[in-house]
Amino acid sequence: MRPTGGWAHSIAAPWSSRDRLRDPVTQTAAPLSSPRVPRRYGPWLTVVFLGLLGAWLLRRGLSYYRLDLSARALHPDYRALNPGGTLGHGYGMVGTALIATNLLYLVRRRFAKHIPPQFGSMQAWLNAHVLTGLVGSLLVLFHSAFQLRTAVAAVTSISLAIVVITGLIGLYLYLLIPKAGLKPFQRRLAELEPLLPGLVKAVDESVRKNPVTQLPADASFVRSVLTIPRWALQARARRRVVRKAAHSDRLLRVVARADRQLAHRLVAELGHLAAAEIDTHAGSAMMRSWRSLHRFLAILMLLSVSVHIAVAWYFGFRWIFE
């Protein structure tokens, strides 16, 4: 029969049925007081908007896009939907403008300290960066009319596709990065210090003796990838030293005799939180290096788009400017 008071009840007090995090390793409720994470509707709204826009554009010219190149010249919508037509060229102009606007996010991020918050948060700019990039790329795809007849058009389309793919991968990595770092671990130790002072001191000292590998801000993506095994070993080492410190604490053994499951979950939680700093640092380093790679590819894409526009202008494809 489990006690309803005493040490076990005091340690379990911060646990609530509403605010619990689930440990991905033990699949048990971890006692970390945390506000509820709001649901994100933005990604779903973006997907729905892109789907509706793509469906409308495809419906508008499906009969034309289904034909081969030789038969398209005889289609009634040829003058409108071909890459140099009124609509087709317009798709390219609007898509290019959106992609150029999309790159303002890099400026906003570079001068974040000098731009007042009235101009929007970094999260809002990131959302706009993703939306304008995807919509602009979709319009460029329909501008090409699903045909790549010149080397310049092929290089431009391939470079744009690479930038979009790397951007989506970078967004996925950004969403995976834990943002808390070592704060939840220190907060949990502060909660436990009045109850288990010896355990808190031993665990804190053990974690400090196992620092995380630091990479310079300009580390390459390859170097970050090669450091992942070391970070994984360091995270495992932190979990191990936390278990070792817990097994040698007398008061925790008293708690274990009263409620073994509670003691086990407490140790698992401390090990998980101690390794969270390494996860945060590793994710941030990966994100920095990936962002540099994405920025370099975006610059190459801009150069190819500029050449594409210059060639089109030279050969007279000037749309409303003609």
C-alpha atoms as a PDB file:
ATOM      1  CA  MET A   1       0.000   0.000   0.000  1.00  0.00           C
ATOM      2  CA  ARG A   2       1.480   3.338  -1.057  1.00  0.00           C
ATOM      3  CA  PRO A   3       1.761   6.130   1.486  1.00  0.00           C
ATOM      4  CA  THR A   4      -0.344   9.232   1.035  1.00  0.00           C
ATOM      5  CA  GLY A   5       2.053  11.537   2.845  1.00  0.00           C
ATOM      6  CA  GLY A   6       5.725  11.866   3.789  1.00  0.00           C
ATOM      7  CA  TRP A   7       8.649  11.922   1.390  1.00  0.00           C
ATOM      8  CA  ALA A   8       6.920  10.266  -1.547  1.00  0.00           C
ATOM      9  CA  HIS A   9       3.997  12.694  -1.391  1.00  0.00           C
ATOM     10  CA  SER A  10       6.338  15.707  -1.088  1.00  0.00           C
ATOM     11  CA  ILE A  11       8.418  14.721  -4.106  1.00  0.00           C
ATOM     12  CA  ALA A  12       5.335  13.987  -6.179  1.00  0.00           C
ATOM     13  CA  ALA A  13       3.694  17.299  -5.241  1.00  0.00           C
ATOM     14  CA  PRO A  14       4.942  19.227  -8.302  1.00  0.00           C
ATOM     15  CA  TRP A  15       3.352  16.567 -10.519  1.00  0.00           C
ATOM     16  CA  SER A  16      -0.097  17.416 -11.814  1.00  0.00           C
ATOM     17  CA  SER A  17      -2.467  15.574 -14.096  1.00  0.00           C
ATOM     18  CA  ARG A  18      -2.594  18.584 -16.437  1.00  0.00           C
ATOM     19  CA  ASP A  19       1.074  19.598 -16.767  1.00  0.00           C
ATOM     20  CA  ARG A  20       3.183  16.557 -17.621  1.00  0.00           C
ATOM     21  CA  LEU A  21       5.814  15.894 -20.228  1.00  0.00           C
ATOM     22  CA  ARG A  22       6.294  12.402 -21.598  1.00  0.00           C
ATOM     23  CA  ASP A  23       9.798  10.984 -21.483  1.00  0.00           C
ATOM     24  CA  PRO A  24      10.529   9.613 -24.978  1.00  0.00           C
ATOM     25  CA  VAL A  25      12.839   6.947 -23.534  1.00  0.00           C
ATOM     26  CA  THR A  26      10.791   5.537 -20.670  1.00  0.00           C
ATOM     27  CA  GLN A  27       7.344   6.569 -21.975  1.00  0.00           C
ATOM     28  CA  THR A  28       6.431   7.656 -18.458  1.00  0.00           C
ATOM     29  CA  ALA A  29       4.996  10.921 -17.222  1.00  0.00           C
ATOM     30  CA  ALA A  30       7.819  13.284 -16.342  1.00  0.00           C
ATOM     31  CA  PRO A  31       7.137  15.709 -13.486  1.00  0.00           C
ATOM     32  CA  LEU A  32       7.972  18.993 -15.157  1.00  0.00           C
ATOM     33  CA  SER A  33       5.669  21.933 -14.624  1.00  0.00           C
ATOM     34  CA  SER A  34       5.262  23.469 -18.063  1.00  0.00           C
ATOM     35  CA  PRO A  35       2.621  25.551 -19.794  1.00  0.00           C
ATOM     36  CA  ARG A  36       0.616  23.819 -22.455  1.00  0.00           C
ATOM     37  CA  VAL A  37       2.063  24.105 -25.933  1.00  0.00           C
ATOM     38  CA  PRO A  38      -0.408  25.914 -28.187  1.00  0.00           C
ATOM     39  CA  ARG A  39      -1.584  24.102 -31.245  1.00  0.00           C
ATOM     40  CA  ARG A  40       0.001  25.211 -34.490  1.00  0.00           C
ATOM     41  CA  TYR A  41      -2.536  25.841 -37.213  1.00  0.00           C
ATOM     42  CA  GLY A  42      -0.175  27.808 -39.466  1.00  0.00           C
ATOM     43  CA  PRO A  43       1.439  24.803 -41.219  1.00  0.00           C
ATOM     44  CA  TRP A  44      -1.941  23.228 -41.954  1.00  0.00           C
ATOM     45  CA  LEU A  45      -3.341  26.502 -43.276  1.00  0.00           C
ATOM     46  CA  THR A  46      -0.270  26.868 -45.501  1.00  0.00           C
ATOM     47  CA  VAL A  47      -0.722  23.360 -46.902  1.00  0.00           C
ATOM     48  CA  VAL A  48      -4.429  23.961 -47.545  1.00  0.00           C
ATOM     49  CA  PHE A  49      -3.745  27.305 -49.243  1.00  0.00           C
ATOM     50  CA  LEU A  50      -1.029  25.812 -51.466  1.00  0.00           C
ATOM     51  CA  GLY A  51      -3.307  22.900 -52.346  1.00  0.00           C
ATOM     52  CA  LEU A  52      -6.195  25.188 -53.300  1.00  0.00           C
ATOM     53  CA  LEU A  53      -3.943  27.510 -55.314  1.00  0.00           C
ATOM     54  CA  GLY A  54      -2.276  24.610 -57.119  1.00  0.00           C
ATOM     55  CA  ALA A  55      -5.640  23.005 -57.858  1.00  0.00           C
ATOM     56  CA  TRP A  56      -6.990  26.263 -59.305  1.00  0.00           C
ATOM     57  CA  LEU A  57      -3.916  26.859 -61.479  1.00  0.00           C
ATOM     58  CA  LEU A  58      -3.967  23.259 -62.689  1.00  0.00           C
ATOM     59  CA  ARG A  59      -7.689  23.394 -63.457  1.00  0.00           C
ATOM     60  CA  ARG A  60      -7.180  26.625 -65.397  1.00  0.00           C
ATOM     61  CA  GLY A  61      -4.721  25.067 -67.834  1.00  0.00           C
ATOM     62  CA  LEU A  62      -4.993  21.294 -67.462  1.00  0.00           C
ATOM     63  CA  SER A  63      -5.973  20.724 -71.094  1.00  0.00           C
ATOM     64  CA  TYR A  64      -2.941  22.734 -72.204  1.00  0.00           C
ATOM     65  CA  TYR A  65      -0.389  21.190 -69.802  1.00  0.00           C
ATOM     66  CA  ARG A  66      -1.411  17.646 -70.817  1.00  0.00           C
ATOM     67  CA  LEU A  67      -0.303  18.184 -74.432  1.00  0.00           C
ATOM     68  CA  ASP A  68       3.191  17.603 -75.735  1.00  0.00           C
ATOM     69  CA  LEU A  69       5.265  20.561 -76.900  1.00  0.00           C
ATOM     70  CA  SER A  70       4.423  20.191 -80.595  1.00  0.00           C
ATOM     71  CA  ALA A  71       0.660  20.160 -79.961  1.00  0.00           C
ATOM     72  CA  ARG A  72       0.583  23.037 -77.498  1.00  0.00           C
ATOM     73  CA  ALA A  73       1.021  25.675 -80.231  1.00  0.00           C
ATOM     74  CA  LEU A  74      -2.409  24.755 -81.589  1.00  0.00           C
ATOM     75  CA  HIS A  75      -4.172  25.028 -78.231  1.00  0.00           C
ATOM     76  CA  PRO A  76      -6.502  28.067 -77.753  1.00  0.00           C
ATOM     77  CA  ASP A  77      -4.698  29.008 -74.525  1.00  0.00           C
ATOM     78  CA  TYR A  78      -1.202  28.841 -76.007  1.00  0.00           C
ATOM     79  CA  ARG A  79      -0.735  32.624 -76.096  1.00  0.00           C
ATOM     80  CA  ALA A  80      -1.839  32.878 -72.474  1.00  0.00           C
ATOM     81  CA  LEU A  81      -0.241  29.879 -70.752  1.00  0.00           C
ATOM     82  CA  ASN A  82       3.100  29.376 -72.486  1.00  0.00           C
ATOM     83  CA  PRO A  83       6.124  30.675 -70.514  1.00  0.00           C
ATOM     84  CA  GLY A  84       6.160  33.871 -72.571  1.00  0.00           C
ATOM     85  CA  GLY A  85       2.374  34.327 -72.620  1.00  0.00           C
ATOM     86  CA  THR A  86       0.312  36.815 -70.667  1.00  0.00           C
ATOM     87  CA  LEU A  87      -0.617  34.425 -67.844  1.00  0.00           C
ATOM     88  CA  GLY A  88       2.445  32.182 -68.008  1.00  0.00           C
ATOM     89  CA  HIS A  89       4.840  35.133 -67.978  1.00  0.00           C
ATOM     90  CA  GLY A  90       2.750  36.745 -65.246  1.00  0.00           C
ATOM     91  CA  TYR A  91       3.115  33.638 -63.090  1.00  0.00           C
ATOM     92  CA  GLY A  92       6.878  33.960 -63.414  1.00  0.00           C
ATOM     93  CA  MET A  93       6.925  37.681 -62.637  1.00  0.00           C
ATOM     94  CA  VAL A  94       4.761  37.356 -59.522  1.00  0.00           C
ATOM     95  CA  GLY A  95       6.623  34.223 -58.383  1.00  0.00           C
ATOM     96  CA  THR A  96      10.000  35.939 -58.786  1.00  0.00           C
ATOM     97  CA  ALA A  97       8.745  38.983 -56.863  1.00  0.00           C
ATOM     98  CA  LEU A  98       7.571  36.735 -54.009  1.00  0.00           C
ATOM     99  CA  ILE A  99      10.903  34.912 -53.902  1.00  0.00           C
ATOM    100  CA  ALA A 100      12.769  38.249 -53.824  1.00  0.00           C
ATOM    101  CA  THR A 101      10.496  39.401 -50.990  1.00  0.00           C
ATOM    102  CA  ASN A 102      11.094  36.059 -49.305  1.00  0.00           C
ATOM    103  CA  LEU A 103      14.802  36.820 -48.976  1.00  0.00           C
ATOM    104  CA  LEU A 104      14.085  39.878 -46.825  1.00  0.00           C
ATOM    105  CA  TYR A 105      13.932  37.413 -43.934  1.00  0.00           C
ATOM    106  CA  LEU A 106      17.715  37.075 -44.179  1.00  0.00           C
ATOM    107  CA  VAL A 107      18.056  40.850 -43.794  1.00  0.00           C
ATOM    108  CA  ARG A 108      15.641  40.852 -40.856  1.00  0.00           C
ATOM    109  CA  ARG A 109      17.628  38.113 -39.153  1.00  0.00           C
ATOM    110  CA  ARG A 110      20.991  39.707 -39.863  1.00  0.00           C
ATOM    111  CA  PHE A 111      19.996  43.062 -38.348  1.00  0.00           C
ATOM    112  CA  ALA A 112      17.592  41.708 -35.713  1.00  0.00           C
ATOM    113  CA  LYS A 113      19.212  43.737 -32.918  1.00  0.00           C
ATOM    114  CA  HIS A 114      18.800  47.004 -34.801  1.00  0.00           C
ATOM    115  CA  ILE A 115      15.188  46.532 -35.958  1.00  0.00           C
ATOM    116  CA  PRO A 116      12.445  47.445 -33.452  1.00  0.00           C
ATOM    117  CA  PRO A 117       9.859  44.782 -32.570  1.00  0.00           C
ATOM    118  CA  GLN A 118       7.137  46.856 -34.233  1.00  0.00           C
ATOM    119  CA  PHE A 119       8.342  45.431 -37.548  1.00  0.00           C
ATOM    120  CA  GLY A 120       7.294  41.928 -36.505  1.00  0.00           C
ATOM    121  CA  SER A 121       8.812  39.084 -34.526  1.00  0.00           C
ATOM    122  CA  MET A 122      11.325  36.660 -35.992  1.00  0.00           C
ATOM    123  CA  GLN A 123       8.682  33.916 -35.870  1.00  0.00           C
ATOM    124  CA  ALA A 124       6.298  36.033 -37.954  1.00  0.00           C
ATOM    125  CA  TRP A 125       9.040  36.767 -40.462  1.00  0.00           C
ATOM    126  CA  LEU A 126       9.925  33.081 -40.614  1.00  0.00           C
ATOM    127  CA  ASN A 127       6.298  32.188 -41.327  1.00  0.00           C
ATOM    128  CA  ALA A 128       6.177  34.804 -44.085  1.00  0.00           C
ATOM    129  CA  HIS A 129       9.510  33.488 -45.410  1.00  0.00           C
ATOM    130  CA  VAL A 130       8.108  29.976 -45.722  1.00  0.00           C
ATOM    131  CA  LEU A 131       4.784  31.063 -47.239  1.00  0.00           C
ATOM    132  CA  THR A 132       6.198  33.430 -49.857  1.00  0.00           C
ATOM    133  CA  GLY A 133       8.891  30.919 -50.814  1.00  0.00           C
ATOM    134  CA  LEU A 134       6.422  28.086 -51.381  1.00  0.00           C
ATOM    135  CA  VAL A 135       3.838  30.220 -53.204  1.00  0.00           C
ATOM    136  CA  GLY A 136       6.515  31.839 -55.369  1.00  0.00           C
ATOM    137  CA  SER A 137       7.992  28.443 -56.254  1.00  0.00           C
ATOM    138  CA  LEU A 138       4.534  27.116 -57.170  1.00  0.00           C
ATOM    139  CA  LEU A 139       3.933  30.070 -59.504  1.00  0.00           C
ATOM    140  CA  VAL A 140       7.356  29.608 -61.096  1.00  0.00           C
ATOM    141  CA  LEU A 141       6.496  25.958 -61.701  1.00  0.00           C
ATOM    142  CA  PHE A 142       3.369  26.950 -63.623  1.00  0.00           C
ATOM    143  CA  HIS A 143       5.336  29.693 -65.373  1.00  0.00           C
ATOM    144  CA  SER A 144       7.569  26.989 -66.838  1.00  0.00           C
ATOM    145  CA  ALA A 145       4.414  25.180 -68.064  1.00  0.00           C
ATOM    146  CA  PHE A 146       6.154  21.961 -66.899  1.00  0.00           C
ATOM    147  CA  GLN A 147       8.754  22.248 -69.652  1.00  0.00           C
ATOM    148  CA  LEU A 148      12.478  23.041 -69.578  1.00  0.00           C
ATOM    149  CA  ARG A 149      13.519  23.817 -73.133  1.00  0.00           C
ATOM    150  CA  THR A 150      16.703  25.820 -72.457  1.00  0.00           C
ATOM    151  CA  ALA A 151      19.768  25.288 -70.301  1.00  0.00           C
ATOM    152  CA  VAL A 152      19.165  28.567 -68.460  1.00  0.00           C
ATOM    153  CA  ALA A 153      15.602  27.563 -67.569  1.00  0.00           C
ATOM    154  CA  ALA A 154      16.783  24.125 -66.433  1.00  0.00           C
ATOM    155  CA  VAL A 155      19.536  25.527 -64.202  1.00  0.00           C
ATOM    156  CA  THR A 156      17.148  28.092 -62.699  1.00  0.00           C
ATOM    157  CA  SER A 157      14.458  25.506 -61.978  1.00  0.00           C
ATOM    158  CA  ILE A 158      16.906  23.012 -60.465  1.00  0.00           C
ATOM    159  CA  SER A 159      18.522  25.658 -58.247  1.00  0.00           C
ATOM    160  CA  LEU A 160      15.099  26.820 -57.064  1.00  0.00           C
ATOM    161  CA  ALA A 161      14.051  23.241 -56.294  1.00  0.00           C
ATOM    162  CA  ILE A 162      17.251  22.655 -54.281  1.00  0.00           C
ATOM    163  CA  VAL A 163      16.687  25.841 -52.268  1.00  0.00           C
ATOM    164  CA  VAL A 164      13.068  24.885 -51.524  1.00  0.00           C
ATOM    165  CA  ILE A 165      14.017  21.351 -50.449  1.00  0.00           C
ATOM    166  CA  THR A 166      16.865  22.521 -48.228  1.00  0.00           C
ATOM    167  CA  GLY A 167      14.569  25.165 -46.756  1.00  0.00           C
ATOM    168  CA  LEU A 168      11.923  22.601 -45.849  1.00  0.00           C
ATOM    169  CA  ILE A 169      14.561  20.354 -44.278  1.00  0.00           C
ATOM    170  CA  GLY A 170      15.875  23.328 -42.311  1.00  0.00           C
ATOM    171  CA  LEU A 171      12.355  24.150 -41.115  1.00  0.00           C
ATOM    172  CA  TYR A 172      11.938  20.549 -39.967  1.00  0.00           C
ATOM    173  CA  LEU A 173      15.223  20.727 -38.052  1.00  0.00           C
ATOM    174  CA  TYR A 174      14.162  24.031 -36.487  1.00  0.00           C
ATOM    175  CA  LEU A 175      10.926  22.506 -35.205  1.00  0.00           C
ATOM    176  CA  LEU A 176      12.845  19.551 -33.719  1.00  0.00           C
ATOM    177  CA  ILE A 177      15.277  21.663 -31.706  1.00  0.00           C
ATOM    178  CA  PRO A 178      14.392  21.735 -27.988  1.00  0.00           C
ATOM    179  CA  LYS A 179      14.340  25.374 -26.907  1.00  0.00           C
ATOM    180  CA  ALA A 180      14.586  24.981 -23.129  1.00  0.00           C
ATOM    181  CA  GLY A 181      18.242  23.947 -22.793  1.00  0.00           C
ATOM    182  CA  LEU A 182      19.343  23.393 -19.192  1.00  0.00           C
ATOM    183  CA  LYS A 183      16.650  25.586 -17.580  1.00  0.00           C
ATOM    184  CA  PRO A 184      14.131  22.766 -16.851  1.00  0.00           C
ATOM    185  CA  PHE A 185      16.924  20.706 -15.306  1.00  0.00           C
ATOM    186  CA  GLN A 186      18.038  23.513 -12.989  1.00  0.00           C
ATOM    187  CA  ARG A 187      14.432  24.341 -12.138  1.00  0.00           C
ATOM    188  CA  ARG A 188      13.723  20.713 -11.193  1.00  0.00           C
ATOM    189  CA  LEU A 189      16.858  20.572  -9.041  1.00  0.00           C
ATOM    190  CA  ALA A 190      15.701  23.718  -7.246  1.00  0.00           C
ATOM    191  CA  GLU A 191      12.353  22.036  -6.545  1.00  0.00           C
ATOM    192  CA  LEU A 192      14.041  18.920  -5.157  1.00  0.00           C
ATOM    193  CA  GLU A 193      16.775  20.624  -3.128  1.00  0.00           C
ATOM    194  CA  PRO A 194      14.698  21.060   0.085  1.00  0.00           C
ATOM    195  CA  LEU A 195      13.727  17.377  -0.075  1.00  0.00           C
ATOM    196  CA  LEU A 196      16.843  15.638  -1.397  1.00  0.00           C
ATOM    197  CA  PRO A 197      19.783  18.042  -0.925  1.00  0.00           C
ATOM    198  CA  GLY A 198      22.431  15.353  -1.226  1.00  0.00           C
ATOM    199  CA  LEU A 199      21.014  14.045  -4.501  1.00  0.00           C
ATOM    200  CA  VAL A 200      20.728  17.536  -5.964  1.00  0.00           C
ATOM    201  CA  LYS A 201      24.341  18.392  -5.116  1.00  0.00           C
ATOM    202  CA  ALA A 202      25.728  15.103  -6.452  1.00  0.00           C
ATOM    203  CA  VAL A 203      23.731  15.289  -9.678  1.00  0.00           C
ATOM    204  CA  ASP A 204      24.625  18.947 -10.286  1.00  0.00           C
ATOM    205  CA  GLU A 205      28.348  18.304  -9.766  1.00  0.00           C
ATOM    206  CA  SER A 206      28.266  15.222 -11.993  1.00  0.00           C
ATOM    207  CA  VAL A 207      26.574  17.108 -14.830  1.00  0.00           C
ATOM    208  CA  ARG A 208      29.031  20.008 -14.586  1.00  0.00           C
ATOM    209  CA  LYS A 209      31.900  17.535 -14.982  1.00  0.00           C
ATOM    210  CA  ASN A 210      30.403  16.405 -18.294  1.00  0.00           C
ATOM    211  CA  PRO A 211      30.232  19.610 -20.387  1.00  0.00           C
ATOM    212  CA  VAL A 212      28.857  19.717 -23.900  1.00  0.00           C
ATOM    213  CA  THR A 213      31.205  20.025 -26.870  1.00  0.00           C
ATOM    214  CA  GLN A 214      31.092  23.597 -28.171  1.00  0.00           C
ATOM    215  CA  LEU A 215      31.444  24.390 -31.857  1.00  0.00           C
ATOM    216  CA  PRO A 216      32.344  27.829 -33.237  1.00  0.00           C
ATOM    217  CA  ALA A 217      29.556  29.871 -34.768  1.00  0.00           C
ATOM    218  CA  ASP A 218      31.033  29.461 -38.257  1.00  0.00           C
ATOM    219  CA  ALA A 219      31.393  25.661 -38.084  1.00  0.00           C
ATOM    220  CA  SER A 220      30.534  23.923 -41.343  1.00  0.00           C
ATOM    221  CA  PHE A 221      27.590  21.600 -41.760  1.00  0.00           C
ATOM    222  CA  VAL A 222      29.951  18.655 -42.305  1.00  0.00           C
ATOM    223  CA  ARG A 223      31.721  19.376 -39.024  1.00  0.00           C
ATOM    224  CA  SER A 224      28.393  19.571 -37.197  1.00  0.00           C
ATOM    225  CA  VAL A 225      27.308  16.231 -38.646  1.00  0.00           C
ATOM    226  CA  LEU A 226      30.624  14.621 -37.664  1.00  0.00           C
ATOM    227  CA  THR A 227      30.170  15.891 -34.082  1.00  0.00           C
ATOM    228  CA  ILE A 228      26.786  14.169 -33.651  1.00  0.00           C
ATOM    229  CA  PRO A 229      28.299  10.871 -32.341  1.00  0.00           C
ATOM    230  CA  ARG A 230      30.259  12.794 -29.695  1.00  0.00           C
ATOM    231  CA  TRP A 231      27.121  14.647 -28.587  1.00  0.00           C
ATOM    232  CA  ALA A 232      25.246  11.350 -28.396  1.00  0.00           C
ATOM    233  CA  LEU A 233      27.961   9.859 -26.172  1.00  0.00           C
ATOM    234  CA  GLN A 234      27.920  12.932 -23.946  1.00  0.00           C
ATOM    235  CA  ALA A 235      24.135  12.736 -23.548  1.00  0.00           C
ATOM    236  CA  ARG A 236      24.429   9.055 -22.632  1.00  0.00           C
ATOM    237  CA  ALA A 237      27.208   9.872 -20.168  1.00  0.00           C
ATOM    238  CA  ARG A 238      25.034  12.468 -18.445  1.00  0.00           C
ATOM    239  CA  ARG A 239      22.199   9.996 -18.016  1.00  0.00           C
ATOM    240  CA  ARG A 240      24.663   7.471 -16.621  1.00  0.00           C
ATOM    241  CA  VAL A 241      26.214   9.843 -14.042  1.00  0.00           C
ATOM    242  CA  VAL A 242      22.732  10.921 -12.912  1.00  0.00           C
ATOM    243  CA  ARG A 243      21.783   7.267 -12.276  1.00  0.00           C
ATOM    244  CA  LYS A 244      25.077   6.688 -10.471  1.00  0.00           C
ATOM    245  CA  ALA A 245      24.542   9.717  -8.220  1.00  0.00           C
ATOM    246  CA  ALA A 246      20.959   8.636  -7.519  1.00  0.00           C
ATOM    247  CA  HIS A 247      21.934   5.081  -6.550  1.00  0.00           C
ATOM    248  CA  SER A 248      24.378   6.392  -3.936  1.00  0.00           C
ATOM    249  CA  ASP A 249      21.873   8.740  -2.258  1.00  0.00           C
ATOM    250  CA  ARG A 250      20.461   7.388   0.980  1.00  0.00           C
ATOM    251  CA  LEU A 251      17.322   9.506   1.111  1.00  0.00           C
ATOM    252  CA  LEU A 252      16.353   8.436  -2.409  1.00  0.00           C
ATOM    253  CA  ARG A 253      16.673   4.807  -1.311  1.00  0.00           C
ATOM    254  CA  VAL A 254      14.184   5.575   1.437  1.00  0.00           C
ATOM    255  CA  VAL A 255      11.812   7.000  -1.156  1.00  0.00           C
ATOM    256  CA  ALA A 256      12.352   3.922  -3.328  1.00  0.00           C
ATOM    257  CA  ARG A 257      11.274   1.631  -0.497  1.00  0.00           C
ATOM    258  CA  ALA A 258       8.072   3.659  -0.145  1.00  0.00           C
ATOM    259  CA  ASP A 259       7.377   4.050  -3.879  1.00  0.00           C
ATOM    260  CA  ARG A 260       9.848   2.372  -6.243  1.00  0.00           C
ATOM    261  CA  GLN A 261       8.050   3.549  -9.386  1.00  0.00           C
ATOM    262  CA  LEU A 262       8.196   7.176  -8.253  1.00  0.00           C
ATOM    263  CA  ALA A 263      11.927   6.987  -7.565  1.00  0.00           C
ATOM    264  CA  HIS A 264      12.560   5.331 -10.921  1.00  0.00           C
ATOM    265  CA  ARG A 265      10.645   8.011 -12.803  1.00  0.00           C
ATOM    266  CA  LEU A 266      12.409  10.770 -10.896  1.00  0.00           C
ATOM    267  CA  VAL A 267      15.848   9.444 -11.830  1.00  0.00           C
ATOM    268  CA  ALA A 268      14.802   8.939 -15.460  1.00  0.00           C
ATOM    269  CA  GLU A 269      13.477  12.490 -15.595  1.00  0.00           C
ATOM    270  CA  LEU A 270      16.671  14.004 -14.179  1.00  0.00           C
ATOM    271  CA  GLY A 271      18.771  12.056 -16.677  1.00  0.00           C
ATOM    272  CA  HIS A 272      16.561  13.159 -19.535  1.00  0.00           C
ATOM    273  CA  LEU A 273      16.674  16.810 -18.503  1.00  0.00           C
ATOM    274  CA  ALA A 274      20.437  16.712 -17.954  1.00  0.00           C
ATOM    275  CA  ALA A 275      20.879  15.512 -21.539  1.00  0.00           C
ATOM    276  CA  ALA A 276      18.474  18.148 -22.880  1.00  0.00           C
ATOM    277  CA  GLU A 277      21.175  20.831 -22.887  1.00  0.00           C
ATOM    278  CA  ILE A 278      23.252  18.706 -25.269  1.00  0.00           C
ATOM    279  CA  ASP A 279      20.234  18.180 -27.513  1.00  0.00           C
ATOM    280  CA  THR A 280      19.607  21.938 -27.594  1.00  0.00           C
ATOM    281  CA  HIS A 281      23.220  22.806 -28.354  1.00  0.00           C
ATOM    282  CA  ALA A 282      23.545  20.112 -31.010  1.00  0.00           C
ATOM    283  CA  GLY A 283      20.329  21.207 -32.694  1.00  0.00           C
ATOM    284  CA  SER A 284      21.358  24.859 -32.637  1.00  0.00           C
ATOM    285  CA  ALA A 285      24.770  24.066 -34.133  1.00  0.00           C
ATOM    286  CA  MET A 286      23.153  21.966 -36.856  1.00  0.00           C
ATOM    287  CA  MET A 287      20.679  24.749 -37.561  1.00  0.00           C
ATOM    288  CA  ARG A 288      23.407  27.408 -37.825  1.00  0.00           C
ATOM    289  CA  SER A 289      25.469  25.380 -40.279  1.00  0.00           C
ATOM    290  CA  TRP A 290      22.401  24.341 -42.283  1.00  0.00           C
ATOM    291  CA  ARG A 291      21.266  27.963 -42.451  1.00  0.00           C
ATOM    292  CA  SER A 292      24.648  28.966 -43.902  1.00  0.00           C
ATOM    293  CA  LEU A 293      24.353  26.253 -46.551  1.00  0.00           C
ATOM    294  CA  HIS A 294      20.798  27.313 -47.371  1.00  0.00           C
ATOM    295  CA  ARG A 295      21.869  30.959 -47.647  1.00  0.00           C
ATOM    296  CA  PHE A 296      24.707  30.041 -50.037  1.00  0.00           C
ATOM    297  CA  LEU A 297      22.342  28.030 -52.233  1.00  0.00           C
ATOM    298  CA  ALA A 298      19.856  30.919 -52.215  1.00  0.00           C
ATOM    299  CA  ILE A 299      22.559  33.282 -53.497  1.00  0.00           C
ATOM    300  CA  LEU A 300      23.373  30.875 -56.337  1.00  0.00           C
ATOM    301  CA  MET A 301      19.663  30.627 -57.113  1.00  0.00           C
ATOM    302  CA  LEU A 302      19.400  34.428 -57.277  1.00  0.00           C
ATOM    303  CA  LEU A 303      22.280  34.548 -59.738  1.00  0.00           C
ATOM    304  CA  SER A 304      20.637  31.963 -61.996  1.00  0.00           C
ATOM    305  CA  VAL A 305      17.285  33.795 -61.790  1.00  0.00           C
ATOM    306  CA  SER A 306      19.010  37.057 -62.732  1.00  0.00           C
ATOM    307  CA  VAL A 307      20.590  35.407 -65.776  1.00  0.00           C
ATOM    308  CA  HIS A 308      17.214  33.902 -66.699  1.00  0.00           C
ATOM    309  CA  ILE A 309      15.497  37.307 -66.493  1.00  0.00           C
ATOM    310  CA  ALA A 310      18.287  39.000 -68.473  1.00  0.00           C
ATOM    311  CA  VAL A 311      18.087  36.420 -71.270  1.00  0.00           C
ATOM    312  CA  ALA A 312      14.282  36.667 -71.414  1.00  0.00           C
ATOM    313  CA  TRP A 313      14.464  40.467 -71.547  1.00  0.00           C
ATOM    314  CA  TYR A 314      17.109  40.373 -74.272  1.00  0.00           C
ATOM    315  CA  PHE A 315      14.940  38.155 -76.470  1.00  0.00           C
ATOM    316  CA  GLY A 316      11.909  40.425 -76.030  1.00  0.00           C
ATOM    317  CA  PHE A 317       9.879  38.602 -73.373  1.00  0.00           C
ATOM    318  CA  ARG A 318       8.951  41.756 -71.463  1.00  0.00           C
ATOM    319  CA  TRP A 319       5.315  41.114 -70.580  1.00  0.00           C
ATOM    320  CA  ILE A 320       3.566  44.405 -69.620  1.00  0.00           C
ATOM    321  CA  PHE A 321       6.770  46.373 -70.184  1.00  0.00           C
ATOM    322  CA  GLU A 322       6.741  45.662 -73.912  1.00  0.00           C
END
